[in-house]
Amino acid sequence: MRLHIGGTEVKAGWKILNVQPGPGVDYIGDCSDLSQIADGSVDEIYASHVLEHLGYVERLPRALAEFHRVLKKGGSARISVPDLDVLCRLFIDPRMGVSERILIMRMAFGGQTDPHDFHYVGLAFDILCDLLGTAGFSKIERAGDFGLFNDTSLMQISGTRISLNVIAYR
């Protein structure tokens, strides 16, 4: 099984878990509780711009532990989050106008259009690696374009990619 966490785009070979029901959603639930999914039953996880919606004290570490639990040995998690390092650099760049700064702020704190669209944590590569390592992942590497779904993993602000894309291996 391949699991798209937080997704909405239906794609052959992928199951969707989302906190909100919708067309094509196979599992309704929070990514910090994957109890609907058996241990070691998932080949690949894809989670784009989901983890920043979780508090870093409890829910984020629990979600990463759940990712690790449901993945088969040798499975991988493709994760994309707003890159806090990049967002900070862009925000203080004097070339950014108000509209760009508002977009950067939204990427840092969430669009806040509904109760599920708030960001509780900012992640940079070293922080995400530490959290993934604590969850049990054996190898973590930066990645470019995953090329799997039409989502914010490729988003740019003023020509700069704002997502941190990583692959974590069980």
N, C-alpha and C. Protein backbone atom coordinates (compact mmCIF):
# COMPACT_ATOMS: atom_id res chain seq x y z
N MET A 1 0.84 -1.18 0.00
CA MET A 1 0.00 0.00 0.00
C MET A 1 0.88 1.24 0.00
N ARG A 2 0.43 2.27 -0.69
CA ARG A 2 1.07 3.58 -0.66
C ARG A 2 0.03 4.54 -0.07
N LEU A 3 0.46 5.34 0.90
CA LEU A 3 -0.45 6.18 1.67
C LEU A 3 -0.13 7.65 1.49
N HIS A 4 -1.11 8.40 1.02
CA HIS A 4 -0.98 9.85 0.84
C HIS A 4 -1.66 10.51 2.04
N ILE A 5 -0.86 11.04 2.94
CA ILE A 5 -1.39 11.65 4.15
C ILE A 5 -1.66 13.13 3.90
N GLY A 6 -2.91 13.52 4.18
CA GLY A 6 -3.31 14.91 3.97
C GLY A 6 -3.69 15.22 2.55
N GLY A 7 -3.77 14.21 1.72
CA GLY A 7 -4.05 14.43 0.31
C GLY A 7 -5.51 14.60 -0.01
N THR A 8 -5.74 15.07 -1.21
CA THR A 8 -7.10 15.16 -1.75
C THR A 8 -7.14 14.66 -3.19
N GLU A 9 -5.98 14.57 -3.83
CA GLU A 9 -5.89 14.17 -5.24
C GLU A 9 -5.88 12.65 -5.36
N VAL A 10 -6.89 12.12 -6.04
CA VAL A 10 -6.98 10.68 -6.26
C VAL A 10 -5.97 10.27 -7.31
N LYS A 11 -5.22 9.22 -7.00
CA LYS A 11 -4.21 8.72 -7.93
C LYS A 11 -4.14 7.21 -7.78
N ALA A 12 -4.10 6.51 -8.89
CA ALA A 12 -4.06 5.05 -8.88
C ALA A 12 -2.92 4.54 -8.02
N GLY A 13 -3.21 3.54 -7.21
CA GLY A 13 -2.19 2.92 -6.36
C GLY A 13 -1.98 3.60 -5.02
N TRP A 14 -2.67 4.70 -4.76
CA TRP A 14 -2.51 5.44 -3.51
C TRP A 14 -3.81 5.46 -2.73
N LYS A 15 -3.71 5.29 -1.42
CA LYS A 15 -4.83 5.49 -0.50
C LYS A 15 -4.63 6.85 0.15
N ILE A 16 -5.72 7.52 0.46
CA ILE A 16 -5.66 8.87 1.05
C ILE A 16 -6.16 8.83 2.48
N LEU A 17 -5.38 9.43 3.38
CA LEU A 17 -5.81 9.69 4.75
C LEU A 17 -5.87 11.20 4.90
N ASN A 18 -7.01 11.69 5.36
CA ASN A 18 -7.16 13.13 5.55
C ASN A 18 -7.97 13.36 6.81
N VAL A 19 -7.72 14.47 7.47
CA VAL A 19 -8.43 14.83 8.69
C VAL A 19 -9.89 15.20 8.39
N GLN A 20 -10.16 15.54 7.12
CA GLN A 20 -11.51 15.91 6.71
C GLN A 20 -12.00 14.94 5.63
N PRO A 21 -13.29 14.57 5.68
CA PRO A 21 -13.82 13.71 4.62
C PRO A 21 -13.86 14.45 3.29
N GLY A 22 -13.84 13.69 2.23
CA GLY A 22 -13.93 14.28 0.90
C GLY A 22 -13.91 13.19 -0.15
N PRO A 23 -14.15 13.57 -1.40
CA PRO A 23 -14.12 12.59 -2.49
C PRO A 23 -12.75 11.92 -2.55
N GLY A 24 -12.74 10.61 -2.60
CA GLY A 24 -11.49 9.88 -2.73
C GLY A 24 -10.75 9.64 -1.42
N VAL A 25 -11.22 10.21 -0.32
CA VAL A 25 -10.55 9.99 0.97
C VAL A 25 -10.90 8.58 1.47
N ASP A 26 -9.88 7.76 1.67
CA ASP A 26 -10.07 6.38 2.10
C ASP A 26 -10.13 6.24 3.61
N TYR A 27 -9.36 7.06 4.31
CA TYR A 27 -9.31 7.02 5.78
C TYR A 27 -9.48 8.43 6.29
N ILE A 28 -10.38 8.60 7.24
CA ILE A 28 -10.54 9.91 7.89
C ILE A 28 -9.84 9.80 9.23
N GLY A 29 -8.88 10.69 9.45
CA GLY A 29 -8.16 10.64 10.71
C GLY A 29 -6.98 11.58 10.74
N ASP A 30 -6.43 11.68 11.90
CA ASP A 30 -5.29 12.53 12.19
C ASP A 30 -4.02 11.71 11.97
N CYS A 31 -3.02 12.30 11.35
CA CYS A 31 -1.80 11.56 11.04
C CYS A 31 -0.98 11.19 12.28
N SER A 32 -1.35 11.72 13.43
CA SER A 32 -0.65 11.31 14.65
C SER A 32 -1.29 10.07 15.28
N ASP A 33 -2.34 9.54 14.63
CA ASP A 33 -2.98 8.30 15.06
C ASP A 33 -3.36 7.50 13.82
N LEU A 34 -2.46 6.62 13.43
CA LEU A 34 -2.70 5.79 12.25
C LEU A 34 -3.18 4.40 12.65
N SER A 35 -3.94 4.32 13.73
CA SER A 35 -4.38 3.02 14.25
C SER A 35 -5.26 2.27 13.26
N GLN A 36 -5.78 2.92 12.25
CA GLN A 36 -6.58 2.27 11.21
C GLN A 36 -5.71 1.43 10.28
N ILE A 37 -4.39 1.62 10.40
CA ILE A 37 -3.45 1.00 9.46
C ILE A 37 -2.53 0.05 10.24
N ALA A 38 -2.40 -1.16 9.73
CA ALA A 38 -1.62 -2.19 10.42
C ALA A 38 -0.12 -1.90 10.40
N ASP A 39 0.57 -2.41 11.40
CA ASP A 39 2.02 -2.30 11.48
C ASP A 39 2.65 -2.89 10.21
N GLY A 40 3.66 -2.20 9.69
CA GLY A 40 4.44 -2.73 8.57
C GLY A 40 3.64 -3.04 7.31
N SER A 41 2.56 -2.31 7.08
CA SER A 41 1.71 -2.61 5.92
C SER A 41 1.84 -1.61 4.77
N VAL A 42 2.67 -0.58 4.93
CA VAL A 42 2.75 0.50 3.95
C VAL A 42 4.14 0.51 3.32
N ASP A 43 4.16 0.57 1.99
CA ASP A 43 5.43 0.64 1.26
C ASP A 43 5.99 2.05 1.23
N GLU A 44 5.09 3.02 1.07
CA GLU A 44 5.51 4.40 0.90
C GLU A 44 4.46 5.34 1.48
N ILE A 45 4.95 6.38 2.13
CA ILE A 45 4.10 7.45 2.65
C ILE A 45 4.48 8.73 1.92
N TYR A 46 3.48 9.51 1.60
CA TYR A 46 3.70 10.84 1.04
C TYR A 46 2.92 11.82 1.90
N ALA A 47 3.60 12.82 2.44
CA ALA A 47 2.95 13.82 3.28
C ALA A 47 3.51 15.19 2.93
N SER A 48 2.72 15.97 2.22
CA SER A 48 3.15 17.31 1.81
C SER A 48 2.40 18.36 2.60
N HIS A 49 3.17 19.19 3.31
CA HIS A 49 2.64 20.32 4.07
C HIS A 49 1.53 19.88 5.03
N VAL A 50 1.86 18.85 5.81
CA VAL A 50 0.95 18.30 6.81
C VAL A 50 1.55 18.43 8.21
N LEU A 51 2.83 18.11 8.34
CA LEU A 51 3.45 18.00 9.67
C LEU A 51 3.52 19.31 10.42
N GLU A 52 3.58 20.43 9.72
CA GLU A 52 3.64 21.73 10.40
C GLU A 52 2.34 22.06 11.12
N HIS A 53 1.31 21.29 10.87
CA HIS A 53 0.02 21.49 11.54
C HIS A 53 -0.03 20.80 12.91
N LEU A 54 1.07 20.18 13.30
CA LEU A 54 1.13 19.42 14.55
C LEU A 54 2.07 20.09 15.54
N GLY A 55 1.69 20.12 16.78
CA GLY A 55 2.58 20.64 17.81
C GLY A 55 3.81 19.76 17.96
N TYR A 56 4.96 20.38 18.17
CA TYR A 56 6.22 19.63 18.20
C TYR A 56 6.49 18.91 19.51
N VAL A 57 5.70 19.18 20.55
CA VAL A 57 5.94 18.52 21.84
C VAL A 57 5.37 17.10 21.83
N GLU A 58 4.14 16.92 21.35
CA GLU A 58 3.51 15.60 21.40
C GLU A 58 3.09 15.07 20.04
N ARG A 59 2.27 15.82 19.33
CA ARG A 59 1.63 15.27 18.13
C ARG A 59 2.61 15.01 16.99
N LEU A 60 3.58 15.89 16.75
CA LEU A 60 4.54 15.67 15.67
C LEU A 60 5.41 14.44 15.94
N PRO A 61 6.02 14.32 17.12
CA PRO A 61 6.79 13.09 17.37
C PRO A 61 5.93 11.83 17.28
N ARG A 62 4.68 11.91 17.74
CA ARG A 62 3.78 10.75 17.66
C ARG A 62 3.47 10.41 16.20
N ALA A 63 3.24 11.43 15.36
CA ALA A 63 2.96 11.20 13.94
C ALA A 63 4.15 10.51 13.26
N LEU A 64 5.35 10.99 13.53
CA LEU A 64 6.54 10.39 12.90
C LEU A 64 6.75 8.96 13.39
N ALA A 65 6.46 8.70 14.66
CA ALA A 65 6.53 7.33 15.18
C ALA A 65 5.49 6.45 14.50
N GLU A 66 4.32 7.01 14.23
CA GLU A 66 3.27 6.27 13.52
C GLU A 66 3.68 5.99 12.08
N PHE A 67 4.30 6.97 11.42
CA PHE A 67 4.81 6.75 10.06
C PHE A 67 5.76 5.56 10.07
N HIS A 68 6.69 5.58 11.02
CA HIS A 68 7.69 4.52 11.14
C HIS A 68 7.00 3.18 11.41
N ARG A 69 6.02 3.16 12.29
CA ARG A 69 5.32 1.92 12.66
C ARG A 69 4.62 1.27 11.47
N VAL A 70 3.92 2.06 10.66
CA VAL A 70 3.14 1.47 9.57
C VAL A 70 3.97 1.12 8.34
N LEU A 71 5.16 1.72 8.22
CA LEU A 71 6.01 1.41 7.07
C LEU A 71 6.62 0.02 7.17
N LYS A 72 6.72 -0.64 6.03
CA LYS A 72 7.45 -1.90 5.94
C LYS A 72 8.94 -1.61 6.08
N LYS A 73 9.71 -2.60 6.49
CA LYS A 73 11.17 -2.44 6.48
C LYS A 73 11.59 -2.11 5.06
N GLY A 74 12.43 -1.08 4.92
CA GLY A 74 12.86 -0.63 3.61
C GLY A 74 11.90 0.38 2.98
N GLY A 75 10.77 0.63 3.62
CA GLY A 75 9.80 1.60 3.12
C GLY A 75 10.31 3.02 3.34
N SER A 76 9.63 3.96 2.71
CA SER A 76 10.08 5.35 2.82
C SER A 76 8.92 6.30 3.02
N ALA A 77 9.25 7.41 3.64
CA ALA A 77 8.30 8.51 3.81
C ALA A 77 8.84 9.71 3.06
N ARG A 78 8.07 10.19 2.11
CA ARG A 78 8.42 11.41 1.37
C ARG A 78 7.66 12.54 2.04
N ILE A 79 8.43 13.46 2.60
CA ILE A 79 7.86 14.52 3.44
C ILE A 79 8.24 15.87 2.87
N SER A 80 7.25 16.75 2.82
CA SER A 80 7.48 18.12 2.40
C SER A 80 6.86 19.04 3.44
N VAL A 81 7.63 20.01 3.89
CA VAL A 81 7.16 21.01 4.86
C VAL A 81 7.68 22.38 4.43
N PRO A 82 7.04 23.46 4.86
CA PRO A 82 7.64 24.77 4.61
C PRO A 82 9.01 24.82 5.29
N ASP A 83 10.02 25.28 4.58
CA ASP A 83 11.38 25.34 5.10
C ASP A 83 11.55 26.64 5.89
N LEU A 84 11.62 26.52 7.21
CA LEU A 84 11.69 27.70 8.06
C LEU A 84 12.92 28.54 7.77
N ASP A 85 14.05 27.90 7.46
CA ASP A 85 15.25 28.66 7.11
C ASP A 85 15.00 29.56 5.91
N VAL A 86 14.39 29.01 4.88
CA VAL A 86 14.12 29.77 3.65
C VAL A 86 13.10 30.86 3.92
N LEU A 87 12.03 30.53 4.63
CA LEU A 87 11.00 31.52 4.92
C LEU A 87 11.56 32.70 5.70
N CYS A 88 12.41 32.44 6.67
CA CYS A 88 13.01 33.53 7.46
C CYS A 88 13.88 34.43 6.59
N ARG A 89 14.69 33.81 5.74
CA ARG A 89 15.54 34.61 4.84
C ARG A 89 14.69 35.47 3.90
N LEU A 90 13.64 34.87 3.36
CA LEU A 90 12.77 35.63 2.45
C LEU A 90 12.05 36.76 3.18
N PHE A 91 11.58 36.49 4.39
CA PHE A 91 10.80 37.49 5.12
C PHE A 91 11.61 38.75 5.40
N ILE A 92 12.90 38.59 5.70
CA ILE A 92 13.71 39.77 6.02
C ILE A 92 14.39 40.38 4.79
N ASP A 93 14.19 39.77 3.62
CA ASP A 93 14.76 40.30 2.38
C ASP A 93 14.08 41.62 2.04
N PRO A 94 14.83 42.72 1.97
CA PRO A 94 14.22 44.03 1.70
C PRO A 94 13.56 44.15 0.33
N ARG A 95 13.83 43.19 -0.56
CA ARG A 95 13.21 43.21 -1.88
C ARG A 95 11.77 42.69 -1.86
N MET A 96 11.38 42.06 -0.76
CA MET A 96 10.03 41.52 -0.66
C MET A 96 9.03 42.63 -0.37
N GLY A 97 7.98 42.66 -1.15
CA GLY A 97 6.90 43.62 -0.93
C GLY A 97 5.91 43.08 0.09
N VAL A 98 4.92 43.87 0.40
CA VAL A 98 3.92 43.48 1.40
C VAL A 98 3.20 42.20 0.98
N SER A 99 2.81 42.08 -0.28
CA SER A 99 2.07 40.87 -0.71
C SER A 99 2.93 39.62 -0.56
N GLU A 100 4.24 39.70 -0.90
CA GLU A 100 5.12 38.54 -0.71
C GLU A 100 5.30 38.24 0.77
N ARG A 101 5.45 39.27 1.58
CA ARG A 101 5.63 39.05 3.02
C ARG A 101 4.38 38.43 3.65
N ILE A 102 3.20 38.80 3.17
CA ILE A 102 1.97 38.17 3.68
C ILE A 102 1.92 36.71 3.27
N LEU A 103 2.31 36.39 2.04
CA LEU A 103 2.36 35.00 1.61
C LEU A 103 3.37 34.20 2.43
N ILE A 104 4.52 34.79 2.70
CA ILE A 104 5.53 34.12 3.54
C ILE A 104 4.96 33.89 4.94
N MET A 105 4.28 34.88 5.48
CA MET A 105 3.67 34.74 6.80
C MET A 105 2.65 33.61 6.79
N ARG A 106 1.84 33.52 5.74
CA ARG A 106 0.85 32.44 5.64
C ARG A 106 1.52 31.08 5.57
N MET A 107 2.65 30.99 4.88
CA MET A 107 3.36 29.72 4.80
C MET A 107 3.98 29.36 6.15
N ALA A 108 4.35 30.36 6.93
CA ALA A 108 4.92 30.10 8.25
C ALA A 108 3.85 29.76 9.29
N PHE A 109 2.73 30.46 9.25
CA PHE A 109 1.71 30.31 10.30
C PHE A 109 0.43 29.66 9.84
N GLY A 110 0.33 29.32 8.57
CA GLY A 110 -0.88 28.71 8.03
C GLY A 110 -1.79 29.74 7.41
N GLY A 111 -2.64 29.27 6.52
CA GLY A 111 -3.59 30.16 5.87
C GLY A 111 -4.70 30.58 6.79
N GLN A 112 -4.96 29.77 7.82
CA GLN A 112 -5.93 30.06 8.87
C GLN A 112 -7.33 30.27 8.32
N THR A 113 -7.66 29.50 7.26
CA THR A 113 -8.97 29.59 6.64
C THR A 113 -9.99 28.66 7.30
N ASP A 114 -9.51 27.68 8.06
CA ASP A 114 -10.39 26.78 8.80
C ASP A 114 -9.61 26.25 10.01
N PRO A 115 -10.28 25.56 10.94
CA PRO A 115 -9.59 25.11 12.17
C PRO A 115 -8.40 24.18 11.93
N HIS A 116 -8.29 23.59 10.74
CA HIS A 116 -7.19 22.67 10.45
C HIS A 116 -6.04 23.36 9.72
N ASP A 117 -6.15 24.66 9.47
CA ASP A 117 -5.17 25.37 8.64
C ASP A 117 -4.30 26.33 9.45
N PHE A 118 -3.86 25.87 10.62
CA PHE A 118 -2.94 26.63 11.46
C PHE A 118 -1.64 25.83 11.56
N HIS A 119 -0.50 26.51 11.53
CA HIS A 119 0.79 25.85 11.69
C HIS A 119 1.27 26.04 13.12
N TYR A 120 1.71 24.94 13.71
CA TYR A 120 2.16 24.96 15.10
C TYR A 120 3.67 24.83 15.25
N VAL A 121 4.35 24.57 14.16
CA VAL A 121 5.80 24.36 14.24
C VAL A 121 6.44 24.81 12.93
N GLY A 122 7.66 25.30 13.04
CA GLY A 122 8.48 25.60 11.88
C GLY A 122 9.59 24.58 11.83
N LEU A 123 9.88 24.06 10.66
CA LEU A 123 10.87 23.00 10.54
C LEU A 123 11.98 23.38 9.56
N ALA A 124 13.19 23.08 9.96
CA ALA A 124 14.38 23.20 9.13
C ALA A 124 14.98 21.80 9.03
N PHE A 125 15.90 21.60 8.11
CA PHE A 125 16.45 20.27 7.85
C PHE A 125 17.00 19.61 9.11
N ASP A 126 17.81 20.32 9.88
CA ASP A 126 18.42 19.70 11.06
C ASP A 126 17.38 19.30 12.10
N ILE A 127 16.36 20.13 12.28
CA ILE A 127 15.31 19.83 13.26
C ILE A 127 14.49 18.63 12.80
N LEU A 128 14.10 18.62 11.52
CA LEU A 128 13.32 17.51 10.99
C LEU A 128 14.12 16.21 11.05
N CYS A 129 15.41 16.26 10.72
CA CYS A 129 16.27 15.07 10.81
C CYS A 129 16.31 14.53 12.23
N ASP A 130 16.44 15.42 13.20
CA ASP A 130 16.48 15.00 14.59
C ASP A 130 15.18 14.30 14.99
N LEU A 131 14.06 14.88 14.61
CA LEU A 131 12.75 14.29 14.93
C LEU A 131 12.57 12.94 14.24
N LEU A 132 12.96 12.84 12.98
CA LEU A 132 12.84 11.58 12.24
C LEU A 132 13.76 10.51 12.83
N GLY A 133 14.98 10.90 13.20
CA GLY A 133 15.90 9.95 13.82
C GLY A 133 15.36 9.43 15.14
N THR A 134 14.79 10.31 15.94
CA THR A 134 14.19 9.90 17.22
C THR A 134 13.04 8.93 16.99
N ALA A 135 12.31 9.09 15.89
CA ALA A 135 11.19 8.21 15.56
C ALA A 135 11.66 6.85 15.04
N GLY A 136 12.97 6.72 14.75
CA GLY A 136 13.51 5.44 14.33
C GLY A 136 13.94 5.33 12.89
N PHE A 137 13.80 6.40 12.12
CA PHE A 137 14.21 6.34 10.72
C PHE A 137 15.73 6.23 10.63
N SER A 138 16.20 5.37 9.71
CA SER A 138 17.63 5.06 9.64
C SER A 138 18.41 5.98 8.74
N LYS A 139 17.76 6.53 7.73
CA LYS A 139 18.46 7.38 6.77
C LYS A 139 17.50 8.48 6.32
N ILE A 140 17.98 9.71 6.31
CA ILE A 140 17.17 10.85 5.88
C ILE A 140 18.00 11.64 4.88
N GLU A 141 17.38 11.98 3.75
CA GLU A 141 18.10 12.76 2.75
C GLU A 141 17.19 13.82 2.14
N ARG A 142 17.81 14.93 1.75
CA ARG A 142 17.07 15.97 1.04
C ARG A 142 16.64 15.43 -0.31
N ALA A 143 15.54 15.95 -0.80
CA ALA A 143 15.04 15.54 -2.10
C ALA A 143 14.61 16.77 -2.89
N GLY A 144 14.56 16.62 -4.17
CA GLY A 144 14.05 17.69 -5.03
C GLY A 144 12.57 17.49 -5.26
N ASP A 145 12.19 17.50 -6.50
CA ASP A 145 10.81 17.33 -6.90
C ASP A 145 10.41 15.86 -6.76
N PHE A 146 9.37 15.60 -5.99
CA PHE A 146 8.86 14.23 -5.88
C PHE A 146 8.09 13.84 -7.14
N GLY A 147 7.45 14.82 -7.78
CA GLY A 147 6.73 14.57 -9.02
C GLY A 147 5.54 13.65 -8.88
N LEU A 148 4.96 13.58 -7.69
CA LEU A 148 3.86 12.65 -7.48
C LEU A 148 2.48 13.30 -7.52
N PHE A 149 2.35 14.44 -6.89
CA PHE A 149 1.05 15.09 -6.77
C PHE A 149 1.17 16.58 -7.07
N ASN A 150 0.06 17.18 -7.44
CA ASN A 150 0.00 18.62 -7.68
C ASN A 150 -0.27 19.29 -6.33
N ASP A 151 0.79 19.72 -5.66
CA ASP A 151 0.64 20.27 -4.31
C ASP A 151 1.67 21.36 -4.06
N THR A 152 1.81 21.78 -2.82
CA THR A 152 2.69 22.90 -2.49
C THR A 152 4.16 22.50 -2.32
N SER A 153 4.50 21.24 -2.56
CA SER A 153 5.90 20.83 -2.40
C SER A 153 6.83 21.53 -3.39
N LEU A 154 6.27 22.09 -4.45
CA LEU A 154 7.08 22.81 -5.44
C LEU A 154 6.84 24.32 -5.39
N MET A 155 6.11 24.78 -4.40
CA MET A 155 5.74 26.19 -4.34
C MET A 155 6.97 27.09 -4.27
N GLN A 156 6.87 28.23 -4.96
CA GLN A 156 7.94 29.23 -4.96
C GLN A 156 7.37 30.58 -4.57
N ILE A 157 8.21 31.36 -3.92
CA ILE A 157 7.90 32.76 -3.65
C ILE A 157 9.05 33.56 -4.23
N SER A 158 8.73 34.44 -5.15
CA SER A 158 9.74 35.26 -5.84
C SER A 158 10.87 34.42 -6.41
N GLY A 159 10.50 33.28 -7.01
CA GLY A 159 11.48 32.41 -7.65
C GLY A 159 12.27 31.51 -6.73
N THR A 160 11.96 31.51 -5.43
CA THR A 160 12.66 30.67 -4.46
C THR A 160 11.72 29.58 -3.95
N ARG A 161 12.17 28.32 -4.08
CA ARG A 161 11.37 27.20 -3.55
C ARG A 161 11.33 27.30 -2.04
N ILE A 162 10.14 27.17 -1.48
CA ILE A 162 9.98 27.36 -0.03
C ILE A 162 9.77 26.05 0.73
N SER A 163 9.80 24.93 0.04
CA SER A 163 9.57 23.66 0.72
C SER A 163 10.86 22.91 0.99
N LEU A 164 10.89 22.29 2.14
CA LEU A 164 11.94 21.34 2.51
C LEU A 164 11.39 19.96 2.17
N ASN A 165 11.98 19.30 1.20
CA ASN A 165 11.55 17.99 0.79
C ASN A 165 12.59 16.96 1.21
N VAL A 166 12.16 15.95 1.93
CA VAL A 166 13.07 14.91 2.40
C VAL A 166 12.46 13.53 2.16
N ILE A 167 13.34 12.54 2.10
CA ILE A 167 12.92 11.15 2.09
C ILE A 167 13.54 10.50 3.32
N ALA A 168 12.70 9.86 4.12
CA ALA A 168 13.16 9.17 5.32
C ALA A 168 12.91 7.67 5.12
N TYR A 169 13.93 6.86 5.38
CA TYR A 169 13.85 5.43 5.15
C TYR A 169 13.75 4.67 6.46
N ARG A 170 12.89 3.67 6.46
CA ARG A 170 12.75 2.82 7.66
C ARG A 170 13.80 1.72 7.59
